[in-house]
Protein backbone atom coordinates (compact mmCIF):
# COMPACT_ATOMS: atom_id res chain seq x y z
CA UNK A 1 55.39 45.40 124.00
CA UNK A 2 56.43 46.27 127.60
CA UNK A 3 58.66 49.26 127.33
CA UNK A 4 60.68 50.98 130.03
CA UNK A 5 62.11 54.50 129.75
CA UNK A 6 64.93 55.68 132.06
CA UNK A 7 67.48 58.53 132.04
CA UNK A 8 65.10 61.29 132.84
CA UNK A 9 63.94 63.05 135.97
CA UNK A 10 60.44 61.94 135.03
CA UNK A 11 57.13 62.97 133.56
CA UNK A 12 55.09 65.08 133.10
CA UNK A 13 57.94 67.42 132.06
CA UNK A 14 59.11 69.91 134.60
CA UNK A 15 62.79 69.90 133.55
CA UNK A 16 64.00 69.88 129.90
CA UNK A 17 64.49 68.24 126.53
CA UNK A 18 64.61 64.52 127.46
CA UNK A 19 61.65 64.80 129.79
CA UNK A 20 59.69 66.51 127.05
CA UNK A 21 60.54 63.82 124.64
CA UNK A 22 59.79 61.02 127.19
CA UNK A 23 56.33 62.61 127.67
CA UNK A 24 55.53 62.57 124.00
CA UNK A 25 56.88 59.13 123.35
CA UNK A 26 55.17 57.51 126.33
CA UNK A 27 51.77 58.97 125.57
CA UNK A 28 51.98 57.88 121.98
CA UNK A 29 53.10 54.30 122.83
CA UNK A 30 50.21 53.86 125.39
CA UNK A 31 47.75 54.96 122.67
CA UNK A 32 49.20 52.32 120.40
CA UNK A 33 48.55 49.66 123.06
CA UNK A 34 51.96 49.15 124.66
CA UNK A 35 52.60 48.95 128.36
CA UNK A 36 54.90 51.71 129.16
CA UNK A 37 56.81 52.50 132.40
CA UNK A 38 58.78 55.68 132.94
CA UNK A 39 61.14 56.02 135.77
CA UNK A 40 60.62 59.28 137.84
CA UNK A 41 62.82 60.81 140.62
CA UNK A 42 61.11 60.59 143.99
CA UNK A 43 61.65 64.37 143.96
CA UNK A 44 59.37 64.93 140.99
CA UNK A 45 56.36 67.18 141.83
CA UNK A 46 54.02 64.74 140.20
CA UNK A 47 53.64 61.85 142.75
CA UNK A 48 50.78 59.83 141.26
CA UNK A 49 51.50 56.28 139.92
CA UNK A 50 49.88 56.79 136.57
CA UNK A 51 49.83 59.68 134.13
CA UNK A 52 47.68 59.52 131.04
CA UNK A 53 47.93 55.74 130.95
CA UNK A 54 51.76 55.69 131.52
CA UNK A 55 52.94 53.85 134.63
CA UNK A 56 55.32 55.83 136.77
CA UNK A 57 57.85 54.27 139.08
CA UNK A 58 59.39 56.79 141.56
CA UNK A 59 62.87 55.87 142.65
CA UNK A 60 65.09 57.44 145.37
CA UNK A 61 67.15 60.35 143.95
CA UNK A 62 69.50 62.09 146.47
CA UNK A 63 70.59 64.90 143.96
CA UNK A 64 68.99 67.50 146.40
CA UNK A 65 71.31 66.36 149.11
CA UNK A 66 74.68 65.53 147.44
CA UNK A 67 74.45 67.25 144.00
CA UNK A 68 75.39 65.75 140.77
CA UNK A 69 76.59 62.50 142.46
CA UNK A 70 72.93 61.82 143.28
CA UNK A 71 72.17 61.24 139.52
CA UNK A 72 74.46 58.16 139.59
CA UNK A 73 72.65 56.74 142.63
CA UNK A 74 69.21 57.51 141.02
CA UNK A 75 70.20 55.73 137.83
CA UNK A 76 71.43 52.76 139.66
CA UNK A 77 68.17 52.48 141.56
CA UNK A 78 66.23 52.59 138.27
CA UNK A 79 68.46 50.00 136.60
CA UNK A 80 68.25 47.62 139.55
CA UNK A 81 64.44 47.92 139.47
CA UNK A 82 64.33 47.27 135.69
CA UNK A 83 65.86 43.78 136.26
CA UNK A 84 62.59 42.44 137.66
CA UNK A 85 60.18 44.10 135.24
CA UNK A 86 60.62 41.91 132.23
CA UNK A 87 60.80 44.66 129.74
CA UNK A 88 60.91 43.94 125.97
CA UNK A 89 62.56 47.17 125.42
CA UNK A 90 64.60 49.30 127.80
CA UNK A 91 65.21 52.84 126.40
CA UNK A 92 67.98 54.81 127.91
CA UNK A 93 67.99 58.67 127.25
CA UNK A 94 71.66 59.54 127.59
CA UNK A 95 74.51 57.70 129.18
CA UNK A 96 76.36 60.15 131.39
CA UNK A 97 75.26 58.79 134.85
CA UNK A 98 74.03 55.30 133.92
CA UNK A 99 76.58 53.71 131.67
CA UNK A 100 78.89 52.86 134.54
CA UNK A 101 76.13 50.51 135.78
CA UNK A 102 75.91 48.92 132.33
CA UNK A 103 76.80 45.42 133.45
CA UNK A 104 73.58 45.43 135.64
CA UNK A 105 71.19 46.13 132.76
CA UNK A 106 68.71 43.28 132.26
CA UNK A 107 70.12 40.72 129.79
CA UNK A 108 66.70 39.60 128.69
CA UNK A 109 65.67 43.01 127.47
CA UNK A 110 66.72 44.90 124.45
CA UNK A 111 68.74 47.90 125.47
CA UNK A 112 68.49 50.94 123.15
CA UNK A 113 70.37 54.08 124.04
CA UNK A 114 69.91 57.60 122.73
CA UNK A 115 73.50 58.75 122.75
CA UNK A 116 72.68 62.43 123.16
CA UNK A 117 75.48 65.02 122.43
CA UNK A 118 79.26 65.07 122.89
CA UNK A 119 79.20 65.81 126.58
CA UNK A 120 82.97 65.45 127.00
CA UNK A 121 83.60 68.41 124.65
CA UNK A 122 81.81 70.86 126.86
CA UNK A 123 84.30 73.54 127.89
CA UNK A 124 82.77 74.01 131.33
CA UNK A 125 84.19 70.63 132.41
CA UNK A 126 87.70 70.01 133.85
CA UNK A 127 90.09 67.63 132.07
CA UNK A 128 89.40 64.99 134.71
CA UNK A 129 85.66 65.27 134.11
CA UNK A 130 86.06 65.23 130.34
CA UNK A 131 88.08 61.99 130.57
CA UNK A 132 85.32 60.42 132.77
CA UNK A 133 82.64 61.54 130.24
CA UNK A 134 84.52 60.02 127.33
CA UNK A 135 84.88 56.77 129.28
CA UNK A 136 81.15 56.94 130.06
CA UNK A 137 80.36 57.40 126.36
CA UNK A 138 82.49 54.32 125.52
CA UNK A 139 80.55 52.34 128.14
CA UNK A 140 77.25 53.52 126.76
CA UNK A 141 78.21 52.15 123.43
CA UNK A 142 79.51 48.82 124.87
CA UNK A 143 76.39 47.96 126.95
CA UNK A 144 73.68 48.89 124.48
CA UNK A 145 72.21 46.51 121.90
CA UNK A 146 71.20 49.37 119.68
CA UNK A 147 72.07 53.14 119.48
CA UNK A 148 70.05 56.19 118.47
CA UNK A 149 71.71 59.31 117.18
CA UNK A 150 69.60 62.45 117.12
CA UNK A 151 71.77 64.15 114.59
CA UNK A 152 73.77 63.05 111.55
CA UNK A 153 76.79 64.65 113.12
CA UNK A 154 76.59 62.20 116.16
CA UNK A 155 75.83 59.26 113.86
CA UNK A 156 78.99 60.03 111.84
CA UNK A 157 81.06 60.48 115.02
CA UNK A 158 79.87 57.11 116.47
CA UNK A 159 80.76 55.32 113.22
CA UNK A 160 84.23 56.92 112.93
CA UNK A 161 85.16 56.55 116.63
CA UNK A 162 83.60 53.23 117.60
CA UNK A 163 82.82 51.67 114.28
CA UNK A 164 79.27 51.17 115.26
CA UNK A 165 76.12 51.96 113.32
CA UNK A 166 73.34 53.96 114.89
CA UNK A 167 69.80 54.74 113.89
CA UNK A 168 69.22 58.45 113.08
CA UNK A 169 66.04 59.83 114.72
CA UNK A 170 66.10 63.45 115.50
CA UNK A 171 64.39 65.37 118.31
CA UNK A 172 60.88 66.62 117.55
CA UNK A 173 59.00 69.98 117.63
CA UNK A 174 56.00 71.74 116.05
CA UNK A 175 55.12 74.98 114.29
CA UNK A 176 53.73 77.74 116.28
CA UNK A 177 50.68 79.67 114.97
CA UNK A 178 49.93 82.33 117.60
CA UNK A 179 52.12 85.22 118.58
CA UNK A 180 51.61 88.29 120.66
CA UNK A 181 52.83 91.86 120.31
CA UNK A 182 51.68 92.65 123.81
CA UNK A 183 54.23 90.07 125.06
CA UNK A 184 57.19 91.70 123.54
CA UNK A 185 56.07 95.14 124.76
CA UNK A 186 56.55 93.88 128.31
CA UNK A 187 60.24 93.64 127.48
CA UNK A 188 60.29 97.21 126.03
CA UNK A 189 61.24 96.24 122.51
CA UNK A 190 59.49 96.69 119.14
CA UNK A 191 58.79 94.17 116.46
CA UNK A 192 61.93 93.42 114.34
CA UNK A 193 63.85 96.18 116.18
CA UNK A 194 65.92 93.86 118.34
CA UNK A 195 67.84 90.70 118.15
CA UNK A 196 68.35 87.97 120.70
CA UNK A 197 69.69 84.58 121.90
CA UNK A 198 68.28 81.82 124.10
CA UNK A 199 70.81 79.51 125.65
CA UNK A 200 72.57 78.25 128.83
CA UNK A 201 75.18 80.80 129.43
CA UNK A 202 78.20 78.51 128.78
CA UNK A 203 81.29 78.96 126.67
CA UNK A 204 80.42 76.37 124.15
CA UNK A 205 77.21 78.23 123.29
CA UNK A 206 79.25 81.11 121.69
CA UNK A 207 77.76 83.65 124.01
CA UNK A 208 80.92 85.76 124.20
CA UNK A 209 81.62 85.64 120.44
CA UNK A 210 78.05 86.81 119.73
CA UNK A 211 78.13 89.55 122.37
CA UNK A 212 81.54 90.75 121.20
CA UNK A 213 79.92 91.27 117.83
CA UNK A 214 76.99 93.06 119.36
CA UNK A 215 79.43 95.35 121.26
CA UNK A 216 81.02 96.51 118.00
CA UNK A 217 77.67 97.74 116.56
CA UNK A 218 77.59 101.63 116.50
CA UNK A 219 73.86 101.92 117.30
CA UNK A 220 71.89 100.86 120.43
CA UNK A 221 69.49 98.38 118.96
CA UNK A 222 68.52 96.12 121.81
CA UNK A 223 70.03 92.60 122.11
CA UNK A 224 68.29 90.35 124.50
CA UNK A 225 70.10 87.53 126.29
CA UNK A 226 67.72 84.91 127.72
CA UNK A 227 69.18 82.36 130.03
CA UNK A 228 69.92 81.82 133.72
CA UNK A 229 72.77 84.09 134.59
CA UNK A 230 73.40 83.75 138.34
CA UNK A 231 76.32 81.51 137.60
CA UNK A 232 80.07 82.05 137.61
CA UNK A 233 80.23 82.44 133.76
CA UNK A 234 77.02 84.51 133.79
CA UNK A 235 78.46 86.93 136.29
CA UNK A 236 81.58 87.19 134.14
CA UNK A 237 79.49 88.09 131.11
CA UNK A 238 77.40 90.64 132.94
CA UNK A 239 80.56 92.29 134.21
CA UNK A 240 82.28 92.31 130.86
CA UNK A 241 79.29 93.91 128.99
CA UNK A 242 78.02 96.16 131.90
CA UNK A 243 78.86 99.20 129.94
CA UNK A 244 76.70 98.18 126.86
CA UNK A 245 73.21 99.54 127.32
CA UNK A 246 71.93 97.64 124.29
CA UNK A 247 72.71 94.21 125.83
CA UNK A 248 70.01 93.17 128.25
CA UNK A 249 70.32 90.12 130.35
CA UNK A 250 66.76 88.88 131.04
CA UNK A 251 67.55 85.73 132.97
CA UNK A 252 65.66 82.53 132.38
CA UNK A 253 62.28 82.76 130.73
CA UNK A 254 60.21 79.43 130.85
CA UNK A 255 56.85 80.51 129.56
CA UNK A 256 56.71 79.02 126.08
CA UNK A 257 54.26 81.60 124.66
CA UNK A 258 56.63 84.40 125.69
CA UNK A 259 59.66 82.71 124.12
CA UNK A 260 57.84 82.00 120.92
CA UNK A 261 56.68 85.63 120.56
CA UNK A 262 60.17 86.98 121.42
CA UNK A 263 61.75 84.76 118.72
CA UNK A 264 59.05 85.52 116.08
CA UNK A 265 59.34 89.28 116.41
CA UNK A 266 63.14 89.33 116.66
CA UNK A 267 65.24 90.75 113.72
CA UNK A 268 67.75 87.94 114.10
CA UNK A 269 67.78 84.93 116.43
CA UNK A 270 71.31 83.73 117.30
CA UNK A 271 71.92 79.98 117.95
CA UNK A 272 75.48 79.54 119.23
CA UNK A 273 75.43 75.95 120.19
CA UNK A 274 78.57 73.96 119.11
CA UNK A 275 78.26 70.71 121.05
CA UNK A 276 75.42 68.13 120.75
CA UNK A 277 72.98 66.70 118.35
CA UNK A 278 69.57 68.04 117.32
CA UNK A 279 69.23 70.82 119.79
CA UNK A 280 65.64 71.36 120.95
CA UNK A 281 65.95 75.10 121.15
CA UNK A 282 67.01 75.28 117.49
CA UNK A 283 63.99 73.28 116.38
CA UNK A 284 61.87 75.60 118.61
CA UNK A 285 63.28 78.61 116.91
CA UNK A 286 62.58 77.14 113.48
CA UNK A 287 58.93 76.51 114.45
CA UNK A 288 58.63 79.91 115.92
CA UNK A 289 59.33 81.67 112.64
CA UNK A 290 62.65 83.22 113.63
CA UNK A 291 65.26 84.24 111.20
CA UNK A 292 68.26 82.28 112.47
CA UNK A 293 71.93 82.95 112.55
CA UNK A 294 73.74 79.83 113.76
CA UNK A 295 77.19 78.87 114.63
CA UNK A 296 78.72 77.32 111.55
CA UNK A 297 79.16 73.66 112.43
CA UNK A 298 77.97 70.27 111.22
CA UNK A 299 75.25 69.89 113.86
CA UNK A 300 73.55 73.10 112.93
CA UNK A 301 74.14 72.92 109.27
CA UNK A 302 72.76 69.42 108.97
CA UNK A 303 69.41 70.77 110.16
CA UNK A 304 69.29 74.24 108.69
CA UNK A 305 71.12 73.76 105.39
CA UNK A 306 70.80 76.97 103.32
CA UNK A 307 67.89 78.32 105.35
CA UNK A 308 69.93 80.32 107.86
CA UNK A 309 72.70 82.89 108.18
CA UNK A 310 76.01 81.52 109.83
CA UNK A 311 78.79 82.91 111.95
CA UNK A 312 82.15 81.69 113.13
CA UNK A 313 83.55 84.79 114.81
CA UNK A 314 82.43 88.19 116.19
CA UNK A 315 83.14 89.84 112.91
CA UNK A 316 80.56 87.65 111.26
CA UNK A 317 78.05 88.55 113.95
CA UNK A 318 78.78 92.22 113.34
CA UNK A 319 78.18 91.94 109.56
CA UNK A 320 74.75 90.11 110.11
CA UNK A 321 73.56 92.74 112.64
CA UNK A 322 74.61 95.52 110.38
CA UNK A 323 72.35 94.41 107.53
CA UNK A 324 69.49 96.82 106.97
CA UNK A 325 67.45 94.30 105.08
CA UNK A 326 67.95 90.52 104.91
CA UNK A 327 67.14 89.09 101.59
CA UNK A 328 64.84 86.09 101.24
CA UNK A 329 63.85 86.37 104.87
CA UNK A 330 60.28 85.13 104.29
CA UNK A 331 61.38 82.30 102.10
CA UNK A 332 64.07 81.11 104.66
CA UNK A 333 61.52 81.08 107.47
CA UNK A 334 58.97 79.23 105.37
CA UNK A 335 61.54 76.66 104.40
CA UNK A 336 62.26 75.93 108.11
CA UNK A 337 58.56 75.64 108.77
CA UNK A 338 58.49 72.93 106.17
CA UNK A 339 61.37 71.16 107.69
CA UNK A 340 59.55 70.97 111.06
CA UNK A 341 56.38 69.74 109.32
CA UNK A 342 58.19 67.07 107.14
CA UNK A 343 61.17 66.03 109.20
CA UNK A 344 60.82 67.00 112.92
CA UNK A 345 57.17 66.74 113.76
CA UNK A 346 56.51 64.80 116.91
CA UNK A 347 54.13 62.25 115.31
CA UNK A 348 56.76 61.20 112.89
CA UNK A 349 59.58 60.99 115.50
CA UNK A 350 57.60 58.86 117.92
CA UNK A 351 56.40 56.60 115.19
CA UNK A 352 59.98 56.03 114.16
CA UNK A 353 60.84 54.97 117.68
CA UNK A 354 58.05 52.52 117.80
CA UNK A 355 59.16 51.05 114.46
CA UNK A 356 62.71 50.75 115.78
CA UNK A 357 61.43 48.95 118.88
CA UNK A 358 59.63 46.37 116.77
CA UNK A 359 62.68 45.85 114.58
CA UNK A 360 65.09 45.44 117.52
CA UNK A 361 63.12 43.48 120.14
CA UNK A 362 64.69 40.12 120.96
CA UNK A 363 61.23 38.66 121.62
CA UNK A 364 59.41 39.43 118.38
């Protein structure tokens, strides 16, 4: 098949979850003999036309000049180009800045869209932006031939709201085997003598709920906050908890070996995400051997099941952090390792995408 992938800033990955996924999927499809084109921003640091057998098409992206609005222009440029490529399958990763151009998608290609998370629910957005995102979501459903949900929560939502079926294929990850005590020593913490979170510092990620619980602990066990904090909300958090010596804002850490070791040696790893599907950072935490305490919602519970602690408020966080010993820690971690191996390993995920492409193609 001839397959196009749009909706990312491009590969090799220099940005985030969808780019990482596009990288894994494109490499796999090329190995299986398919012709694959991935659309890249012209701003992408990798400027070659081919990467590991994957063809790259760089399109003009003015995001560096005009901000978020540039994403809409970039997606328009990619979609217009796709009309002349004669794709069997055109995979869209997300819909936020592309669905308004849905009428322009090539009619001869099968359009498959990964619907990502419930973007309109994010608290950082104004009511006006939320209305736009809900409209964009509706258009994403309308102009797609097939939909992919990366969590059962999203799948259920699409069925209830739009009466449409979608194929459940989660995000992928892998289990980590090597960890380093030397790495955590750089952050002046000892193994299992600290807890932590890794997230964008945004309200829907329960940061304040978690830190309010940390604040109530009557001992100074370190709590590490990993995430870019030079934002309005980040500054608010740093000011609110400035008197808490145990809470350490580390900023963004992008070295995966450092993140894996910090997660592995933590007493408890908190995952506060409340919006979205299969969150990549949650799967990474599972594969890192962390003991996870997650926000109690359908997205997290559908992945973790009984193999996690849960919180809904700061009092729950306080109770978890006050535990001297957490029963069945080893069993819980091992169960999550098994989930990654059996349900979320990358080979399984990309194979399911290829099978879906064969099933859905108009030309086969």
